[in-house]
Amino acid sequence: MRSQRGFSLLVVMAMAIVAATVVLMFLKIIPVYSEYYALKDTLDTLASQTGKSDYELRRDFSNRAIIQDIVSVKAQDLVIVSSPSVLGVGVRYSREVPLKKGIKLVFDFEYQAGTPVLKDTQ
């Protein structure tokens, strides 16, 4: 007689529970990183707009945030450094994703865009 091989029903159910948990966590994490990459794109665009005042940059950010569904960061959260040779825009923020009652994931993000314009010193 040959012995049976394969998974029992209990093992299959346990594997399904683990797979479902991983998929649900993945689906909750996707919007967090999607928002982060939209924020990076927005800050890169703002940092390339030299000659604008802080108010104009914050207003542009607010308009873009509405379109790209950025809800974790407000215009007043931006750190803007501007001078004739430098335009930098940065932000630091946290995002909490509740998994279950009493359990949450916390993501800390920080991004800076813009580089100083180097002058020729020859």
C-alpha atoms as a PDB file:
ATOM      1  CA  MET A   1       0.000   0.000   0.000  1.00  0.00           C
ATOM      2  CA  ARG A   2       1.156   3.468  -0.839  1.00  0.00           C
ATOM      3  CA  SER A   3       0.967   6.219   1.751  1.00  0.00           C
ATOM      4  CA  GLN A   4      -0.895   9.385   0.867  1.00  0.00           C
ATOM      5  CA  ARG A   5       1.037  12.547   0.229  1.00  0.00           C
ATOM      6  CA  GLY A   6      -0.049  16.163   0.160  1.00  0.00           C
ATOM      7  CA  PHE A   7      -1.405  18.850   2.392  1.00  0.00           C
ATOM      8  CA  SER A   8      -4.146  18.328   4.901  1.00  0.00           C
ATOM      9  CA  LEU A   9      -7.136  20.649   5.029  1.00  0.00           C
ATOM     10  CA  LEU A  10      -5.780  22.262   8.189  1.00  0.00           C
ATOM     11  CA  VAL A  11      -2.461  23.128   6.536  1.00  0.00           C
ATOM     12  CA  VAL A  12      -4.220  24.568   3.482  1.00  0.00           C
ATOM     13  CA  MET A  13      -6.446  26.746   5.693  1.00  0.00           C
ATOM     14  CA  ALA A  14      -3.442  27.977   7.695  1.00  0.00           C
ATOM     15  CA  MET A  15      -1.589  28.864   4.494  1.00  0.00           C
ATOM     16  CA  ALA A  16      -4.672  30.699   3.199  1.00  0.00           C
ATOM     17  CA  ILE A  17      -4.917  32.736   6.418  1.00  0.00           C
ATOM     18  CA  VAL A  18      -1.244  33.720   6.220  1.00  0.00           C
ATOM     19  CA  ALA A  19      -1.554  34.629   2.527  1.00  0.00           C
ATOM     20  CA  ALA A  20      -4.706  36.689   3.163  1.00  0.00           C
ATOM     21  CA  THR A  21      -2.984  38.564   6.000  1.00  0.00           C
ATOM     22  CA  VAL A  22      -0.002  39.395   3.797  1.00  0.00           C
ATOM     23  CA  VAL A  23      -2.249  40.581   0.957  1.00  0.00           C
ATOM     24  CA  LEU A  24      -4.330  42.791   3.284  1.00  0.00           C
ATOM     25  CA  MET A  25      -1.210  44.396   4.757  1.00  0.00           C
ATOM     26  CA  PHE A  26       0.145  44.974   1.258  1.00  0.00           C
ATOM     27  CA  LEU A  27      -3.120  46.621   0.183  1.00  0.00           C
ATOM     28  CA  LYS A  28      -2.989  48.959   3.191  1.00  0.00           C
ATOM     29  CA  ILE A  29       0.635  49.927   2.516  1.00  0.00           C
ATOM     30  CA  ILE A  30       0.269  50.722  -1.212  1.00  0.00           C
ATOM     31  CA  PRO A  31      -1.597  54.045  -0.705  1.00  0.00           C
ATOM     32  CA  VAL A  32       1.043  55.246   1.788  1.00  0.00           C
ATOM     33  CA  TYR A  33       3.876  54.824  -0.686  1.00  0.00           C
ATOM     34  CA  SER A  34       1.774  56.057  -3.592  1.00  0.00           C
ATOM     35  CA  GLU A  35       1.190  59.294  -1.690  1.00  0.00           C
ATOM     36  CA  TYR A  36       4.897  59.549  -0.824  1.00  0.00           C
ATOM     37  CA  TYR A  37       5.956  59.262  -4.463  1.00  0.00           C
ATOM     38  CA  ALA A  38       3.325  61.828  -5.490  1.00  0.00           C
ATOM     39  CA  LEU A  39       4.698  64.135  -2.790  1.00  0.00           C
ATOM     40  CA  LYS A  40       8.264  63.624  -4.045  1.00  0.00           C
ATOM     41  CA  ASP A  41       7.187  64.491  -7.576  1.00  0.00           C
ATOM     42  CA  THR A  42       5.365  67.604  -6.353  1.00  0.00           C
ATOM     43  CA  LEU A  43       8.337  68.826  -4.297  1.00  0.00           C
ATOM     44  CA  ASP A  44      10.724  68.234  -7.195  1.00  0.00           C
ATOM     45  CA  THR A  45       8.459  70.314  -9.416  1.00  0.00           C
ATOM     46  CA  LEU A  46       8.225  73.100  -6.832  1.00  0.00           C
ATOM     47  CA  ALA A  47      11.990  73.146  -6.312  1.00  0.00           C
ATOM     48  CA  SER A  48      12.513  73.743 -10.031  1.00  0.00           C
ATOM     49  CA  GLN A  49      10.354  76.887  -9.970  1.00  0.00           C
ATOM     50  CA  THR A  50      12.885  79.553  -9.054  1.00  0.00           C
ATOM     51  CA  GLY A  51      11.817  83.146  -8.565  1.00  0.00           C
ATOM     52  CA  LYS A  52       8.572  82.415  -6.706  1.00  0.00           C
ATOM     53  CA  SER A  53       7.777  83.602  -3.216  1.00  0.00           C
ATOM     54  CA  ASP A  54       7.070  81.276  -0.302  1.00  0.00           C
ATOM     55  CA  TYR A  55       3.374  82.108  -0.527  1.00  0.00           C
ATOM     56  CA  GLU A  56       3.241  81.204  -4.225  1.00  0.00           C
ATOM     57  CA  LEU A  57       5.104  77.933  -3.631  1.00  0.00           C
ATOM     58  CA  ARG A  58       2.748  76.970  -0.803  1.00  0.00           C
ATOM     59  CA  ARG A  59      -0.285  77.860  -2.934  1.00  0.00           C
ATOM     60  CA  ASP A  60       1.067  75.768  -5.823  1.00  0.00           C
ATOM     61  CA  PHE A  61       1.652  72.893  -3.418  1.00  0.00           C
ATOM     62  CA  SER A  62      -1.915  73.120  -2.103  1.00  0.00           C
ATOM     63  CA  ASN A  63      -3.309  73.020  -5.634  1.00  0.00           C
ATOM     64  CA  ARG A  64      -1.155  70.054  -6.612  1.00  0.00           C
ATOM     65  CA  ALA A  65      -1.946  68.241  -3.353  1.00  0.00           C
ATOM     66  CA  ILE A  66      -5.655  68.403  -4.105  1.00  0.00           C
ATOM     67  CA  ILE A  67      -5.137  66.974  -7.584  1.00  0.00           C
ATOM     68  CA  GLN A  68      -2.724  64.225  -6.493  1.00  0.00           C
ATOM     69  CA  ASP A  69      -4.654  63.357  -3.304  1.00  0.00           C
ATOM     70  CA  ILE A  70      -1.882  64.228  -0.847  1.00  0.00           C
ATOM     71  CA  VAL A  71      -3.593  64.367   2.547  1.00  0.00           C
ATOM     72  CA  SER A  72      -0.751  63.742   5.017  1.00  0.00           C
ATOM     73  CA  VAL A  73       1.059  67.022   4.343  1.00  0.00           C
ATOM     74  CA  LYS A  74      -0.355  70.539   4.328  1.00  0.00           C
ATOM     75  CA  ALA A  75       1.247  73.594   2.756  1.00  0.00           C
ATOM     76  CA  GLN A  76       2.234  74.998   6.163  1.00  0.00           C
ATOM     77  CA  ASP A  77       4.223  71.789   6.874  1.00  0.00           C
ATOM     78  CA  LEU A  78       6.703  72.569   4.086  1.00  0.00           C
ATOM     79  CA  VAL A  79      10.145  73.906   4.923  1.00  0.00           C
ATOM     80  CA  ILE A  80      11.151  76.331   2.187  1.00  0.00           C
ATOM     81  CA  VAL A  81      14.671  77.731   1.920  1.00  0.00           C
ATOM     82  CA  SER A  82      15.050  80.360  -0.747  1.00  0.00           C
ATOM     83  CA  SER A  83      17.774  82.805  -1.622  1.00  0.00           C
ATOM     84  CA  PRO A  84      19.178  84.043  -4.913  1.00  0.00           C
ATOM     85  CA  SER A  85      21.371  80.931  -5.263  1.00  0.00           C
ATOM     86  CA  VAL A  86      19.284  78.268  -3.490  1.00  0.00           C
ATOM     87  CA  LEU A  87      15.716  77.025  -3.642  1.00  0.00           C
ATOM     88  CA  GLY A  88      15.024  74.058  -1.416  1.00  0.00           C
ATOM     89  CA  VAL A  89      11.735  72.524  -0.378  1.00  0.00           C
ATOM     90  CA  GLY A  90      11.506  69.808   2.226  1.00  0.00           C
ATOM     91  CA  VAL A  91       9.070  68.027   4.480  1.00  0.00           C
ATOM     92  CA  ARG A  92       9.095  65.520   7.325  1.00  0.00           C
ATOM     93  CA  TYR A  93       5.936  63.664   8.320  1.00  0.00           C
ATOM     94  CA  SER A  94       4.522  60.476   9.800  1.00  0.00           C
ATOM     95  CA  ARG A  95       1.656  58.368   8.557  1.00  0.00           C
ATOM     96  CA  GLU A  96      -0.190  55.828  10.685  1.00  0.00           C
ATOM     97  CA  VAL A  97      -2.041  52.906   9.136  1.00  0.00           C
ATOM     98  CA  PRO A  98      -4.397  51.063  11.495  1.00  0.00           C
ATOM     99  CA  LEU A  99      -4.371  47.308  10.981  1.00  0.00           C
ATOM    100  CA  LYS A 100      -6.653  46.232  13.766  1.00  0.00           C
ATOM    101  CA  LYS A 101      -7.888  47.722  17.028  1.00  0.00           C
ATOM    102  CA  GLY A 102      -4.750  48.612  18.972  1.00  0.00           C
ATOM    103  CA  ILE A 103      -2.368  47.623  16.163  1.00  0.00           C
ATOM    104  CA  LYS A 104      -1.025  50.103  13.649  1.00  0.00           C
ATOM    105  CA  LEU A 105       1.912  50.615  11.349  1.00  0.00           C
ATOM    106  CA  VAL A 106       3.773  53.924  11.579  1.00  0.00           C
ATOM    107  CA  PHE A 107       5.717  55.245   8.592  1.00  0.00           C
ATOM    108  CA  ASP A 108       8.149  58.167   8.970  1.00  0.00           C
ATOM    109  CA  PHE A 109       9.045  60.004   5.781  1.00  0.00           C
ATOM    110  CA  GLU A 110      11.463  62.811   5.040  1.00  0.00           C
ATOM    111  CA  TYR A 111      12.270  64.330   1.668  1.00  0.00           C
ATOM    112  CA  GLN A 112      14.174  67.371   0.441  1.00  0.00           C
ATOM    113  CA  ALA A 113      14.139  68.695  -3.095  1.00  0.00           C
ATOM    114  CA  GLY A 114      16.244  71.331  -4.733  1.00  0.00           C
ATOM    115  CA  THR A 115      19.931  71.977  -5.035  1.00  0.00           C
ATOM    116  CA  PRO A 116      21.987  75.109  -4.751  1.00  0.00           C
ATOM    117  CA  VAL A 117      22.932  76.793  -7.990  1.00  0.00           C
ATOM    118  CA  LEU A 118      26.709  76.716  -8.127  1.00  0.00           C
ATOM    119  CA  LYS A 119      28.440  79.752  -9.563  1.00  0.00           C
ATOM    120  CA  ASP A 120      31.612  79.558 -11.609  1.00  0.00           C
ATOM    121  CA  THR A 121      34.548  80.605  -9.398  1.00  0.00           C
ATOM    122  CA  GLN A 122      37.233  80.774 -12.068  1.00  0.00           C
END
